[in-house]
Each structure stands twice: as structure tokens, then as C-alpha cells.
């Protein structure tokens, strides 16, 4: 079951929490996961749920350290596409750490390269 403790901790009303949960579930295409427990989710599903939970309280900055490195390439590509779309929709500044130059080109507007 998807739980959004970040919203509860900030004393959001039940109605606002419910609204935000369904908004994010729709954005990340995870409505079908609403009643499933973490142990029953695939790696990609867990990553999308984690991203939804992170975005729920509307952070101004998102920090990500190789968020999709443990996923197979097809799923990682799809999730990067979704993340890029979300970044644009939500106008959220994202620091995205990766060792992959291809991933960097795919995700970045600006690049900081540390050799």
C-alpha cells in the first residue's frame, strides 16, 4: 500500500493528501499499484513509488544519485523519460548524479563534469 508520510508529517488535510496521492499516481502511471505492498513490486515499480513519495510534498529541489542504475536498460530509459517530463511539468530543479554519458545527455539541461 502506498503511504505518503511526508504529507502527514506536514499536517496536510486528508482531502489534500488524497488529492495529491491520486495526482502523482496518475502522473507516474502507478494507479494499479495502490493496494500492493512493497514486497510485491518490481524494481521499476518501486522506483516510481519512491519518486511519487519524494515529489508529494512539492520539494523545490530534487537530489538523485544514480536512481535507475539497478534497473534494466529498457525500464531505466522509460523512467528517465517520465522524470524528464515531470521536471518540465513541475518546474523542479534536479541534481542528477550519473556515471553514464548517454544518461547525462538524455537528462541534462546543464552539465557539471568532475574528472
Protein backbone atom coordinates (compact mmCIF):
# COMPACT_ATOMS: atom_id res chain seq x y z
CA UNK A 1 0.00 0.00 0.00
CA UNK A 2 1.41 3.40 -0.96
CA UNK A 3 1.81 5.66 2.06
CA UNK A 4 2.80 9.32 1.87
CA UNK A 5 4.24 10.08 5.32
CA UNK A 6 5.82 13.33 4.11
CA UNK A 7 2.37 14.85 3.70
CA UNK A 8 1.14 13.54 7.06
CA UNK A 9 4.22 14.93 8.80
CA UNK A 10 3.41 18.38 7.38
CA UNK A 11 -0.15 18.15 8.73
CA UNK A 12 -1.88 18.22 5.34
CA UNK A 13 -5.60 17.51 5.47
CA UNK A 14 -6.85 14.06 4.44
CA UNK A 15 -8.54 15.57 1.41
CA UNK A 16 -5.34 17.27 0.25
CA UNK A 17 -3.31 14.11 0.85
CA UNK A 18 -5.81 12.03 -1.12
CA UNK A 19 -5.84 14.55 -3.96
CA UNK A 20 -2.04 14.72 -4.13
CA UNK A 21 -1.66 10.92 -3.98
CA UNK A 22 -4.03 10.38 -6.90
CA UNK A 23 -2.44 13.23 -8.88
CA UNK A 24 1.02 11.67 -8.54
CA UNK A 25 -0.21 8.14 -9.16
CA UNK A 26 -1.70 9.35 -12.43
CA UNK A 27 1.43 11.32 -13.41
CA UNK A 28 3.69 8.33 -12.80
CA UNK A 29 1.24 5.76 -14.18
CA UNK A 30 1.09 3.75 -10.95
CA UNK A 31 -2.65 3.74 -10.14
CA UNK A 32 -2.69 -0.03 -10.45
CA UNK A 33 -0.17 -0.29 -7.59
CA UNK A 34 -2.33 1.46 -5.00
CA UNK A 35 -3.22 -1.64 -2.98
CA UNK A 36 0.06 -3.54 -3.43
CA UNK A 37 2.74 -3.87 -0.78
CA UNK A 38 6.42 -3.04 -1.46
CA UNK A 39 7.50 -6.69 -1.43
CA UNK A 40 5.14 -7.33 -4.36
CA UNK A 41 6.53 -4.53 -6.58
CA UNK A 42 9.13 -4.86 -9.34
CA UNK A 43 12.27 -2.71 -9.29
CA UNK A 44 10.81 -0.18 -11.73
CA UNK A 45 7.55 0.00 -9.80
CA UNK A 46 9.46 0.59 -6.55
CA UNK A 47 11.40 3.42 -8.19
CA UNK A 48 8.21 5.11 -9.44
CA UNK A 49 6.58 4.80 -6.00
CA UNK A 50 9.73 6.23 -4.38
CA UNK A 51 9.68 9.13 -6.85
CA UNK A 52 5.99 9.81 -6.13
CA UNK A 53 6.66 9.81 -2.38
CA UNK A 54 9.57 12.19 -2.89
CA UNK A 55 7.52 14.58 -5.04
CA UNK A 56 4.44 14.51 -2.80
CA UNK A 57 5.38 17.44 -0.52
CA UNK A 58 6.33 19.55 -3.57
CA UNK A 59 10.06 19.95 -2.97
CA UNK A 60 11.85 22.84 -4.65
CA UNK A 61 14.94 20.75 -5.37
CA UNK A 62 15.26 17.06 -6.15
CA UNK A 63 18.56 15.27 -5.49
CA UNK A 64 19.07 11.94 -7.25
CA UNK A 65 22.15 9.71 -7.09
CA UNK A 66 22.04 7.15 -9.90
CA UNK A 67 18.35 6.48 -9.27
CA UNK A 68 17.86 3.95 -12.06
CA UNK A 69 21.25 2.22 -12.14
CA UNK A 70 19.92 -1.05 -10.74
CA UNK A 71 17.18 -1.39 -13.37
CA UNK A 72 17.38 -2.98 -16.78
CA UNK A 73 18.04 -0.51 -19.58
CA UNK A 74 14.53 -0.54 -21.10
CA UNK A 75 12.83 0.26 -17.78
CA UNK A 76 15.51 2.82 -16.84
CA UNK A 77 15.03 4.58 -20.21
CA UNK A 78 11.27 4.76 -19.68
CA UNK A 79 11.67 6.11 -16.14
CA UNK A 80 14.19 8.74 -17.27
CA UNK A 81 11.71 9.85 -19.91
CA UNK A 82 8.98 10.13 -17.27
CA UNK A 83 11.29 12.01 -14.92
CA UNK A 84 12.31 14.48 -17.63
CA UNK A 85 8.65 15.10 -18.41
CA UNK A 86 7.87 15.60 -14.70
CA UNK A 87 10.76 18.02 -14.30
CA UNK A 88 9.29 20.17 -17.04
CA UNK A 89 5.70 19.91 -15.78
CA UNK A 90 6.60 20.67 -12.17
CA UNK A 91 9.45 23.12 -12.89
CA UNK A 92 11.60 21.33 -10.35
CA UNK A 93 15.37 21.80 -10.15
CA UNK A 94 17.02 18.39 -10.19
CA UNK A 95 20.58 17.38 -9.39
CA UNK A 96 21.07 14.05 -11.10
CA UNK A 97 24.28 12.10 -10.49
CA UNK A 98 25.28 9.53 -13.09
CA UNK A 99 28.36 7.81 -14.47
CA UNK A 100 26.73 7.34 -17.86
CA UNK A 101 27.43 9.98 -20.53
CA UNK A 102 24.40 8.80 -22.52
CA UNK A 103 22.17 9.22 -19.49
CA UNK A 104 23.71 12.62 -18.88
CA UNK A 105 22.92 13.78 -22.43
CA UNK A 106 19.40 12.45 -22.09
CA UNK A 107 18.60 14.15 -18.78
CA UNK A 108 20.61 17.36 -18.57
CA UNK A 109 19.95 20.96 -19.44
CA UNK A 110 23.30 21.85 -17.87
CA UNK A 111 26.20 19.55 -17.05
CA UNK A 112 28.87 19.63 -14.38
CA UNK A 113 31.63 17.17 -15.20
CA UNK A 114 34.01 16.01 -12.47
CA UNK A 115 37.05 14.12 -13.71
